[in-house]
Amino acid sequence: MMHEKKTSQQSVPNASHLGLLKKGEYGIITRVHDSSSIAGASAIQLRLLELGFIKGESVRILAESFPTGDPIAVRVGSSTFALRRHEASMVEVALMNA
């Protein structure tokens, strides 16, 4: 079973979470965290980690649904996934095009 190592928070320049990014924006994953405001968040966190949303991996927003922008198409590494924005908000990233 994969578990994320708990570390102290450090300030990352241009840090955000994946749920706030728009089409074409990209970054590097800094961590995937458990959000207590989302029911079943621990299961979602584990699934994201299993899919490859791990620290140091590149991530890019490929598309947004019309008209609401939710879900989004996300490329992580060489794989593409559809995520709801609330799921994507669990993935912290350092923006690379800011």
N, C-alpha and C. Protein backbone atom coordinates (compact mmCIF):
# COMPACT_ATOMS: atom_id res chain seq x y z
N MET A 1 0.84 -1.17 0.00
CA MET A 1 0.00 0.00 0.00
C MET A 1 0.89 1.23 0.00
N MET A 2 0.54 2.21 -0.83
CA MET A 2 1.35 3.41 -0.94
C MET A 2 0.82 4.47 0.02
N HIS A 3 1.72 5.10 0.75
CA HIS A 3 1.37 6.20 1.65
C HIS A 3 2.32 7.35 1.39
N GLU A 4 1.78 8.56 1.43
CA GLU A 4 2.62 9.73 1.26
C GLU A 4 3.31 10.06 2.56
N LYS A 5 4.59 10.33 2.49
CA LYS A 5 5.36 10.70 3.67
C LYS A 5 4.98 12.11 4.09
N LYS A 6 4.67 12.30 5.35
CA LYS A 6 4.31 13.62 5.87
C LYS A 6 5.58 14.42 6.11
N THR A 7 5.62 15.62 5.51
CA THR A 7 6.76 16.50 5.69
C THR A 7 6.26 17.88 6.06
N SER A 8 7.15 18.70 6.58
CA SER A 8 6.76 20.06 6.92
C SER A 8 6.51 20.84 5.64
N GLN A 9 5.57 21.78 5.69
CA GLN A 9 5.22 22.58 4.53
C GLN A 9 6.30 23.62 4.26
N GLN A 10 6.69 23.73 3.02
CA GLN A 10 7.63 24.74 2.60
C GLN A 10 6.93 25.59 1.55
N SER A 11 7.22 26.87 1.53
CA SER A 11 6.62 27.77 0.55
C SER A 11 7.24 27.52 -0.81
N VAL A 12 6.40 27.29 -1.80
CA VAL A 12 6.85 27.04 -3.16
C VAL A 12 6.42 28.23 -4.01
N PRO A 13 7.35 28.91 -4.70
CA PRO A 13 6.97 30.02 -5.55
C PRO A 13 5.97 29.56 -6.62
N ASN A 14 4.97 30.40 -6.92
CA ASN A 14 3.97 30.09 -7.93
C ASN A 14 3.23 28.79 -7.65
N ALA A 15 2.97 28.51 -6.37
CA ALA A 15 2.27 27.28 -6.00
C ALA A 15 0.77 27.47 -6.15
N SER A 16 0.11 26.41 -6.53
CA SER A 16 -1.34 26.42 -6.70
C SER A 16 -1.82 24.98 -6.57
N HIS A 17 -3.10 24.78 -6.84
CA HIS A 17 -3.55 23.39 -6.95
C HIS A 17 -4.13 23.19 -8.34
N LEU A 18 -4.11 21.97 -8.77
CA LEU A 18 -4.46 21.60 -10.13
C LEU A 18 -5.88 22.06 -10.50
N GLY A 19 -6.78 22.10 -9.54
CA GLY A 19 -8.16 22.51 -9.80
C GLY A 19 -8.30 23.95 -10.24
N LEU A 20 -7.30 24.79 -10.00
CA LEU A 20 -7.36 26.20 -10.39
C LEU A 20 -6.74 26.48 -11.75
N LEU A 21 -6.00 25.52 -12.30
CA LEU A 21 -5.33 25.74 -13.57
C LEU A 21 -6.33 25.76 -14.72
N LYS A 22 -5.99 26.49 -15.77
CA LYS A 22 -6.80 26.61 -16.98
C LYS A 22 -6.14 25.85 -18.12
N LYS A 23 -6.89 25.66 -19.20
CA LYS A 23 -6.39 24.93 -20.36
C LYS A 23 -5.04 25.49 -20.82
N GLY A 24 -4.07 24.60 -21.01
CA GLY A 24 -2.75 24.98 -21.48
C GLY A 24 -1.74 25.22 -20.36
N GLU A 25 -2.21 25.43 -19.13
CA GLU A 25 -1.27 25.67 -18.03
C GLU A 25 -0.68 24.35 -17.55
N TYR A 26 0.53 24.43 -17.03
CA TYR A 26 1.20 23.23 -16.58
C TYR A 26 2.09 23.52 -15.38
N GLY A 27 2.49 22.43 -14.73
CA GLY A 27 3.36 22.56 -13.56
C GLY A 27 3.95 21.23 -13.17
N ILE A 28 4.58 21.25 -12.01
CA ILE A 28 5.18 20.05 -11.43
C ILE A 28 4.46 19.76 -10.12
N ILE A 29 4.06 18.52 -9.94
CA ILE A 29 3.34 18.13 -8.73
C ILE A 29 4.26 18.24 -7.52
N THR A 30 3.78 18.92 -6.47
CA THR A 30 4.55 19.03 -5.23
C THR A 30 4.02 18.09 -4.16
N ARG A 31 2.73 17.79 -4.19
CA ARG A 31 2.16 16.79 -3.28
C ARG A 31 0.70 16.56 -3.60
N VAL A 32 0.19 15.42 -3.14
CA VAL A 32 -1.23 15.09 -3.21
C VAL A 32 -1.69 14.97 -1.77
N HIS A 33 -2.69 15.75 -1.40
CA HIS A 33 -3.13 15.73 -0.01
C HIS A 33 -4.57 15.28 0.12
N ASP A 34 -4.92 14.89 1.30
CA ASP A 34 -6.26 14.45 1.66
C ASP A 34 -7.06 15.67 2.07
N SER A 35 -8.18 15.90 1.43
CA SER A 35 -9.02 17.05 1.77
C SER A 35 -10.19 16.59 2.61
N SER A 36 -10.26 17.04 3.84
CA SER A 36 -11.33 16.63 4.74
C SER A 36 -12.69 17.16 4.31
N SER A 37 -12.72 18.13 3.38
CA SER A 37 -14.00 18.68 2.93
C SER A 37 -14.65 17.83 1.84
N ILE A 38 -13.95 16.80 1.35
CA ILE A 38 -14.48 15.94 0.31
C ILE A 38 -14.75 14.56 0.90
N ALA A 39 -16.01 14.09 0.79
CA ALA A 39 -16.35 12.75 1.28
C ALA A 39 -15.55 11.71 0.48
N GLY A 40 -14.93 10.75 1.17
CA GLY A 40 -14.14 9.72 0.52
C GLY A 40 -12.80 10.21 0.02
N ALA A 41 -12.30 11.31 0.59
CA ALA A 41 -11.07 11.92 0.10
C ALA A 41 -9.87 10.98 0.20
N SER A 42 -9.79 10.17 1.24
CA SER A 42 -8.64 9.26 1.37
C SER A 42 -8.59 8.28 0.21
N ALA A 43 -9.75 7.79 -0.23
CA ALA A 43 -9.80 6.87 -1.37
C ALA A 43 -9.40 7.59 -2.65
N ILE A 44 -9.85 8.85 -2.80
CA ILE A 44 -9.48 9.63 -3.98
C ILE A 44 -7.98 9.90 -3.98
N GLN A 45 -7.43 10.27 -2.83
CA GLN A 45 -6.00 10.52 -2.72
C GLN A 45 -5.21 9.28 -3.14
N LEU A 46 -5.59 8.13 -2.63
CA LEU A 46 -4.89 6.89 -2.97
C LEU A 46 -5.00 6.60 -4.46
N ARG A 47 -6.18 6.81 -5.04
CA ARG A 47 -6.36 6.55 -6.47
C ARG A 47 -5.50 7.50 -7.31
N LEU A 48 -5.43 8.76 -6.93
CA LEU A 48 -4.59 9.72 -7.66
C LEU A 48 -3.13 9.28 -7.62
N LEU A 49 -2.66 8.84 -6.46
CA LEU A 49 -1.28 8.37 -6.33
C LEU A 49 -1.05 7.14 -7.21
N GLU A 50 -2.02 6.22 -7.22
CA GLU A 50 -1.90 5.02 -8.04
C GLU A 50 -1.86 5.34 -9.53
N LEU A 51 -2.56 6.41 -9.93
CA LEU A 51 -2.60 6.80 -11.33
C LEU A 51 -1.34 7.52 -11.80
N GLY A 52 -0.48 7.92 -10.84
CA GLY A 52 0.77 8.57 -11.21
C GLY A 52 0.89 10.03 -10.83
N PHE A 53 -0.07 10.53 -10.06
CA PHE A 53 -0.01 11.91 -9.58
C PHE A 53 0.92 11.95 -8.37
N ILE A 54 2.22 11.90 -8.64
CA ILE A 54 3.21 11.83 -7.57
C ILE A 54 4.15 13.03 -7.64
N LYS A 55 4.77 13.34 -6.53
CA LYS A 55 5.68 14.48 -6.42
C LYS A 55 6.75 14.40 -7.51
N GLY A 56 6.95 15.54 -8.20
CA GLY A 56 7.98 15.63 -9.23
C GLY A 56 7.50 15.36 -10.63
N GLU A 57 6.29 14.83 -10.78
CA GLU A 57 5.75 14.50 -12.10
C GLU A 57 5.17 15.76 -12.76
N SER A 58 5.35 15.89 -14.07
CA SER A 58 4.78 17.04 -14.78
C SER A 58 3.29 16.80 -15.03
N VAL A 59 2.53 17.90 -15.04
CA VAL A 59 1.08 17.81 -15.23
C VAL A 59 0.63 19.02 -16.06
N ARG A 60 -0.32 18.79 -16.97
CA ARG A 60 -0.81 19.85 -17.86
C ARG A 60 -2.32 19.69 -18.04
N ILE A 61 -3.01 20.83 -18.13
CA ILE A 61 -4.44 20.82 -18.42
C ILE A 61 -4.60 20.84 -19.93
N LEU A 62 -5.23 19.79 -20.49
CA LEU A 62 -5.39 19.67 -21.93
C LEU A 62 -6.70 20.26 -22.42
N ALA A 63 -7.77 20.12 -21.62
CA ALA A 63 -9.08 20.59 -22.05
C ALA A 63 -9.98 20.81 -20.84
N GLU A 64 -10.99 21.66 -21.04
CA GLU A 64 -12.01 21.91 -20.03
C GLU A 64 -13.37 21.68 -20.68
N SER A 65 -14.29 21.06 -19.94
CA SER A 65 -15.62 20.83 -20.48
C SER A 65 -16.36 22.14 -20.66
N PHE A 66 -17.23 22.16 -21.67
CA PHE A 66 -18.04 23.34 -21.93
C PHE A 66 -19.44 23.08 -21.39
N PRO A 67 -20.11 23.96 -20.75
CA PRO A 67 -19.74 25.34 -20.50
C PRO A 67 -19.15 25.56 -19.11
N THR A 68 -19.18 24.56 -18.24
CA THR A 68 -18.81 24.77 -16.83
C THR A 68 -17.32 24.65 -16.55
N GLY A 69 -16.56 24.02 -17.44
CA GLY A 69 -15.13 23.82 -17.19
C GLY A 69 -14.85 22.64 -16.28
N ASP A 70 -15.86 21.81 -16.03
CA ASP A 70 -15.70 20.67 -15.13
C ASP A 70 -16.43 19.47 -15.74
N PRO A 71 -15.77 18.35 -16.00
CA PRO A 71 -14.41 17.99 -15.60
C PRO A 71 -13.35 18.57 -16.53
N ILE A 72 -12.09 18.26 -16.20
CA ILE A 72 -10.96 18.71 -17.00
C ILE A 72 -10.18 17.49 -17.48
N ALA A 73 -9.53 17.63 -18.64
CA ALA A 73 -8.64 16.59 -19.15
C ALA A 73 -7.23 16.97 -18.72
N VAL A 74 -6.56 16.04 -18.04
CA VAL A 74 -5.25 16.31 -17.45
C VAL A 74 -4.24 15.29 -17.98
N ARG A 75 -3.08 15.78 -18.40
CA ARG A 75 -1.99 14.88 -18.78
C ARG A 75 -0.99 14.87 -17.65
N VAL A 76 -0.72 13.68 -17.12
CA VAL A 76 0.31 13.50 -16.10
C VAL A 76 1.29 12.49 -16.67
N GLY A 77 2.54 12.90 -16.79
CA GLY A 77 3.52 12.04 -17.46
C GLY A 77 3.08 11.84 -18.90
N SER A 78 2.89 10.60 -19.31
CA SER A 78 2.45 10.31 -20.68
C SER A 78 1.01 9.80 -20.73
N SER A 79 0.26 9.93 -19.63
CA SER A 79 -1.12 9.47 -19.55
C SER A 79 -2.09 10.64 -19.44
N THR A 80 -3.30 10.43 -19.93
CA THR A 80 -4.34 11.46 -19.88
C THR A 80 -5.53 10.94 -19.10
N PHE A 81 -6.07 11.80 -18.20
CA PHE A 81 -7.20 11.44 -17.35
C PHE A 81 -8.20 12.57 -17.32
N ALA A 82 -9.46 12.23 -17.06
CA ALA A 82 -10.49 13.23 -16.79
C ALA A 82 -10.66 13.28 -15.27
N LEU A 83 -10.59 14.49 -14.72
CA LEU A 83 -10.77 14.68 -13.29
C LEU A 83 -11.81 15.76 -13.04
N ARG A 84 -12.58 15.60 -11.98
CA ARG A 84 -13.43 16.70 -11.52
C ARG A 84 -12.52 17.71 -10.85
N ARG A 85 -12.91 18.96 -10.89
CA ARG A 85 -12.07 20.00 -10.29
C ARG A 85 -11.87 19.77 -8.80
N HIS A 86 -12.88 19.25 -8.10
CA HIS A 86 -12.68 19.01 -6.66
C HIS A 86 -11.66 17.90 -6.41
N GLU A 87 -11.56 16.94 -7.32
CA GLU A 87 -10.51 15.92 -7.21
C GLU A 87 -9.14 16.54 -7.52
N ALA A 88 -9.11 17.35 -8.58
CA ALA A 88 -7.86 18.00 -8.98
C ALA A 88 -7.35 18.95 -7.91
N SER A 89 -8.26 19.49 -7.08
CA SER A 89 -7.84 20.42 -6.03
C SER A 89 -6.99 19.75 -4.95
N MET A 90 -6.96 18.43 -4.94
CA MET A 90 -6.13 17.69 -3.99
C MET A 90 -4.68 17.60 -4.43
N VAL A 91 -4.40 18.01 -5.68
CA VAL A 91 -3.04 17.93 -6.25
C VAL A 91 -2.42 19.32 -6.24
N GLU A 92 -1.39 19.51 -5.41
CA GLU A 92 -0.68 20.79 -5.36
C GLU A 92 0.42 20.78 -6.41
N VAL A 93 0.56 21.92 -7.10
CA VAL A 93 1.56 22.04 -8.16
C VAL A 93 2.35 23.32 -8.04
N ALA A 94 3.57 23.28 -8.55
CA ALA A 94 4.38 24.49 -8.74
C ALA A 94 4.21 24.86 -10.20
N LEU A 95 3.63 26.03 -10.45
CA LEU A 95 3.36 26.46 -11.82
C LEU A 95 4.66 26.69 -12.58
N MET A 96 4.68 26.25 -13.83
CA MET A 96 5.89 26.38 -14.63
C MET A 96 5.77 27.45 -15.70
N ASN A 97 4.57 27.98 -15.92
CA ASN A 97 4.40 28.99 -16.96
C ASN A 97 3.87 30.30 -16.39
N ALA A 98 4.04 30.51 -15.12
CA ALA A 98 3.53 31.73 -14.49
C ALA A 98 4.51 32.88 -14.65
